[in-house]
Protein backbone atom coordinates (compact mmCIF):
# COMPACT_ATOMS: atom_id res chain seq x y z
CA MET A 1 129.97 43.12 67.39
CA PRO A 2 126.91 43.24 69.60
CA ILE A 3 125.52 46.76 69.48
CA PHE A 4 125.69 47.25 73.22
CA PHE A 5 129.46 46.83 73.04
CA ASP A 6 129.79 49.10 70.05
CA PRO A 7 131.73 52.21 71.28
CA ASN A 8 129.82 54.39 68.78
CA TYR A 9 126.54 53.30 70.29
CA LEU A 10 127.80 54.05 73.80
CA LEU A 11 128.87 57.43 72.54
CA ALA A 12 125.48 58.07 70.86
CA VAL A 13 123.53 57.35 74.09
CA ALA A 14 126.07 58.86 76.45
CA PRO A 15 123.94 62.00 77.16
CA ALA A 16 121.01 59.83 78.26
CA MET A 17 123.27 57.55 80.38
CA LEU A 18 124.83 60.51 82.12
CA LEU A 19 121.42 61.98 82.79
CA ALA A 20 120.19 58.64 84.18
CA PHE A 21 123.20 58.39 86.56
CA TRP A 22 122.52 61.95 87.74
CA ALA A 23 118.84 61.27 88.14
CA GLN A 24 119.36 58.06 90.13
CA TRP A 25 121.78 59.97 92.43
CA ARG A 26 119.16 62.69 92.79
CA VAL A 27 116.48 60.17 93.65
CA ARG A 28 118.52 58.43 96.29
CA SER A 29 119.87 61.66 97.88
CA SER A 30 116.51 63.40 97.94
CA PHE A 31 114.73 60.24 99.26
CA ALA A 32 117.34 59.93 102.03
CA ALA A 33 116.85 63.60 103.09
CA ALA A 34 113.05 63.25 102.94
CA ALA A 35 113.13 60.01 104.84
CA GLU A 36 114.49 61.77 107.84
CA GLN A 37 111.46 64.20 107.96
CA PRO A 38 108.47 62.87 109.95
CA ALA A 39 104.96 62.70 108.50
CA PRO A 40 101.67 62.27 110.34
CA LEU A 41 100.79 59.15 108.31
CA SER A 42 102.58 56.14 106.94
CA GLY A 43 102.89 55.77 103.19
CA ALA A 44 100.11 53.16 103.08
CA ALA A 45 97.80 55.31 105.26
CA ALA A 46 98.43 58.35 103.14
CA ALA A 47 97.66 56.49 99.92
CA ARG A 48 94.51 55.04 101.53
CA HIS A 49 93.37 58.52 102.61
CA ILE A 50 93.96 59.85 99.08
CA LEU A 51 92.15 56.95 97.37
CA ASP A 52 89.15 57.02 99.71
CA SER A 53 88.84 60.77 99.49
CA ALA A 54 88.56 60.50 95.69
CA GLY A 55 86.09 57.58 95.88
CA ALA A 56 88.61 54.93 94.73
CA THR A 57 87.73 52.64 97.65
CA ASP A 58 87.99 49.47 95.47
CA VAL A 59 91.78 49.89 95.05
CA GLN A 60 93.67 47.60 97.36
CA ILE A 61 97.10 48.46 98.91
CA GLU A 62 99.77 45.80 99.41
CA GLU A 63 103.30 45.68 100.77
CA VAL A 64 105.97 44.19 98.41
CA PRO A 65 109.66 43.51 98.93
CA GLY A 66 112.49 45.51 97.50
CA ASP A 67 113.58 49.13 97.35
CA LEU A 68 111.73 51.60 95.09
CA THR A 69 109.54 48.77 93.77
CA ASP A 70 106.39 50.85 94.24
CA HIS A 71 103.85 50.71 91.48
CA TYR A 72 100.15 50.62 90.63
CA ASP A 73 98.74 47.62 88.80
CA PRO A 74 95.75 48.78 86.74
CA ARG A 75 94.74 45.22 85.80
CA GLU A 76 94.24 44.08 89.39
CA LYS A 77 93.49 47.54 90.86
CA VAL A 78 96.21 47.11 93.38
CA LEU A 79 98.68 49.70 94.61
CA ARG A 80 101.88 48.02 95.73
CA LEU A 81 104.24 49.78 98.04
CA SER A 82 107.82 48.70 99.04
CA HIS A 83 108.57 48.01 102.73
CA HIS A 84 110.33 51.33 103.21
CA VAL A 85 107.30 53.23 101.88
CA TYR A 86 104.37 51.11 103.10
CA GLY A 87 104.96 51.45 106.87
CA SER A 88 107.23 54.49 107.07
CA ARG A 89 105.95 57.73 108.55
CA SER A 90 108.25 60.06 106.54
CA LEU A 91 107.82 62.62 103.87
CA ALA A 92 109.69 60.43 101.45
CA ALA A 93 107.23 57.60 102.02
CA VAL A 94 104.07 59.64 101.77
CA GLY A 95 105.46 61.37 98.56
CA ILE A 96 106.09 58.05 96.77
CA ALA A 97 102.82 56.50 98.00
CA ALA A 98 100.86 59.60 96.90
CA HIS A 99 102.48 59.41 93.51
CA GLU A 100 101.41 55.79 93.01
CA ALA A 101 97.94 56.73 94.33
CA GLY A 102 97.93 59.39 91.64
CA HIS A 103 98.21 56.60 89.08
CA ALA A 104 95.25 54.82 90.70
CA LEU A 105 93.19 58.04 90.43
CA GLN A 106 94.19 58.38 86.80
CA ASP A 107 92.84 54.91 86.17
CA ALA A 108 89.63 55.52 88.16
CA GLN A 109 88.91 58.80 86.45
CA GLY A 110 89.69 57.57 82.97
CA TYR A 111 92.76 59.71 82.31
CA ALA A 112 93.16 59.39 78.55
CA MET A 113 96.94 59.25 78.39
CA MET A 114 97.06 56.41 80.94
CA THR A 115 94.62 54.45 78.81
CA VAL A 116 96.92 54.93 75.85
CA ARG A 117 99.91 53.95 77.94
CA ASN A 118 98.34 50.82 79.19
CA ALA A 119 97.37 49.80 75.69
CA ALA A 120 100.94 50.34 74.55
CA VAL A 121 102.59 48.13 77.21
CA GLY A 122 102.39 44.99 75.10
CA VAL A 123 103.76 46.73 72.05
CA ALA A 124 106.62 48.15 74.06
CA GLN A 125 107.53 44.74 75.55
CA ILE A 126 107.60 43.17 72.03
CA GLY A 127 109.64 46.11 70.69
CA SER A 128 112.22 45.99 73.41
CA GLY A 129 112.54 42.26 73.47
CA VAL A 130 112.21 41.37 69.73
CA GLY A 131 113.02 44.59 67.93
CA LEU A 132 116.77 44.59 68.70
CA PHE A 133 116.98 40.82 67.83
CA VAL A 134 115.30 41.30 64.50
CA PHE A 135 117.43 44.34 63.74
CA MET A 136 120.69 42.53 64.45
CA ILE A 137 119.70 39.60 62.31
CA GLY A 138 118.77 41.91 59.49
CA LEU A 139 121.98 43.90 59.82
CA GLY A 140 124.15 40.82 60.07
CA MET A 141 122.62 39.18 57.08
CA ALA A 142 122.50 42.39 55.04
CA LEU A 143 118.69 42.12 54.83
CA ALA A 144 117.75 45.83 55.00
CA PRO A 145 113.92 45.20 55.08
CA LEU A 146 114.32 42.88 58.06
CA ALA A 147 116.56 45.37 59.89
CA TRP A 148 114.04 48.16 59.26
CA LEU A 149 111.36 45.90 60.63
CA GLY A 150 113.44 45.53 63.83
CA ILE A 151 113.54 49.37 64.03
CA ALA A 152 109.89 49.62 63.51
CA LEU A 153 109.30 47.10 66.29
CA PHE A 154 111.64 49.02 68.67
CA ALA A 155 109.64 52.21 67.81
CA GLY A 156 106.92 50.73 69.99
CA THR A 157 109.25 51.14 73.00
CA VAL A 158 109.92 54.73 72.06
CA PHE A 159 106.19 55.44 71.66
CA PHE A 160 105.53 53.99 75.14
CA GLN A 161 108.27 56.05 76.71
CA LEU A 162 106.93 59.23 75.10
CA VAL A 163 103.36 58.51 76.29
CA ASN A 164 104.60 57.56 79.72
CA LEU A 165 106.11 60.92 80.40
CA PRO A 166 102.95 62.95 80.73
CA VAL A 167 101.38 60.11 82.72
CA GLU A 168 104.21 60.22 85.29
CA PHE A 169 104.20 64.06 85.49
CA ASP A 170 100.38 64.10 85.95
CA ALA A 171 100.58 61.51 88.71
CA SER A 172 103.22 63.59 90.57
CA ASN A 173 101.04 66.77 90.14
CA ARG A 174 98.05 64.89 91.52
CA ALA A 175 100.12 63.68 94.41
CA LYS A 176 101.36 67.09 95.39
CA ALA A 177 97.93 68.62 95.18
CA GLN A 178 96.32 65.88 97.27
CA LEU A 179 98.97 65.90 99.92
CA VAL A 180 98.34 69.61 100.54
CA GLU A 181 94.58 69.63 100.10
CA LEU A 182 94.05 66.78 102.48
CA GLY A 183 96.47 68.22 105.04
CA ILE A 184 98.79 65.28 104.91
CA VAL A 185 101.87 67.45 104.32
CA PRO A 186 102.06 71.13 105.33
CA THR A 187 102.88 73.48 102.44
CA SER A 188 106.01 74.51 104.31
CA GLU A 189 107.34 70.97 104.16
CA MET A 190 106.37 70.11 100.54
CA SER A 191 109.86 71.00 99.27
CA TYR A 192 111.05 67.55 100.47
CA VAL A 193 108.28 65.80 98.58
CA ASN A 194 108.87 67.93 95.57
CA ASN A 195 112.53 67.04 95.47
CA VAL A 196 111.74 63.35 95.56
CA LEU A 197 109.11 63.40 92.89
CA ASN A 198 110.96 65.77 90.60
CA ALA A 199 114.10 63.55 90.83
CA ALA A 200 112.05 60.53 89.94
CA ALA A 201 110.65 62.36 86.94
CA TRP A 202 114.14 62.92 85.59
CA THR A 203 114.69 59.09 85.53
CA TYR A 204 111.72 58.82 83.09
CA VAL A 205 113.13 61.65 80.97
CA ALA A 206 116.48 59.85 80.87
CA GLY A 207 114.81 56.61 79.84
CA THR A 208 112.88 58.31 77.08
CA LEU A 209 115.97 60.07 75.82
CA GLN A 210 117.93 56.86 75.66
CA SER A 211 115.16 55.18 73.68
CA ILE A 212 115.14 58.04 71.22
CA LEU A 213 118.91 58.14 70.79
CA THR A 214 118.94 54.39 70.43
CA ILE A 215 116.50 54.27 67.55
CA LEU A 216 118.25 57.18 65.89
CA TYR A 217 121.51 55.31 66.14
CA TYR A 218 119.95 52.13 64.72
CA ALA A 219 118.52 54.10 61.78
CA SER A 220 121.78 56.01 61.02
CA LEU A 221 123.75 52.76 61.24
CA LEU A 222 121.46 51.02 58.79
CA SER A 223 121.26 54.02 56.47
CA GLY A 224 125.06 54.07 56.38
CA ARG A 225 125.25 50.38 55.56
CA SER A 226 122.65 50.85 52.75
CA SER A 227 124.54 53.78 51.22
CA ASP A 228 127.77 51.81 51.16
CA GLU A 229 126.17 48.98 49.15
């Protein structure tokens, strides 16, 4: 039986899945509320102001399609904002844009944890794509060393998630500070921005928790098979 259809697996990761559903609901509801509150700048203009004020003038800003597709690309030094963030003059837009600008500032200022995270991206991609495949082959063929190799590969994904958490929290903290210091958002209205960024942070917590629970389930399943032999 594929592990993702294993009821025991679903039960093991249920806390993370419930947290993820709640976090996504929080993101959408807080974003909708903050989107109704006007801001003096568009998301793109706010990000540009933050970047230029910090001396990161080489970072470009582009508009990309999709919802909540906003991200910073450290390889190309490009901050990409979704349509509803790029041109919108709302507190939701400037909050999301400022968060992504925070990542660009981390990159420009040599924030150590972001350097580690960027270095771990390749390992995480291999772990998530190959680790489960190797684990299932090892488990199905009763080759414990191969199965443990799959778990070791998947551990790269867990490591990435753990490193990513402080990076995301730091980017949000930078965003909140810059929005107030530069006068983009009055302190009295920062609660809307805080709600959006705090809700987004919980999605990363949920993803990290699911990775941890998944690898623990893999290990317990393999250990149980080994003890039965």
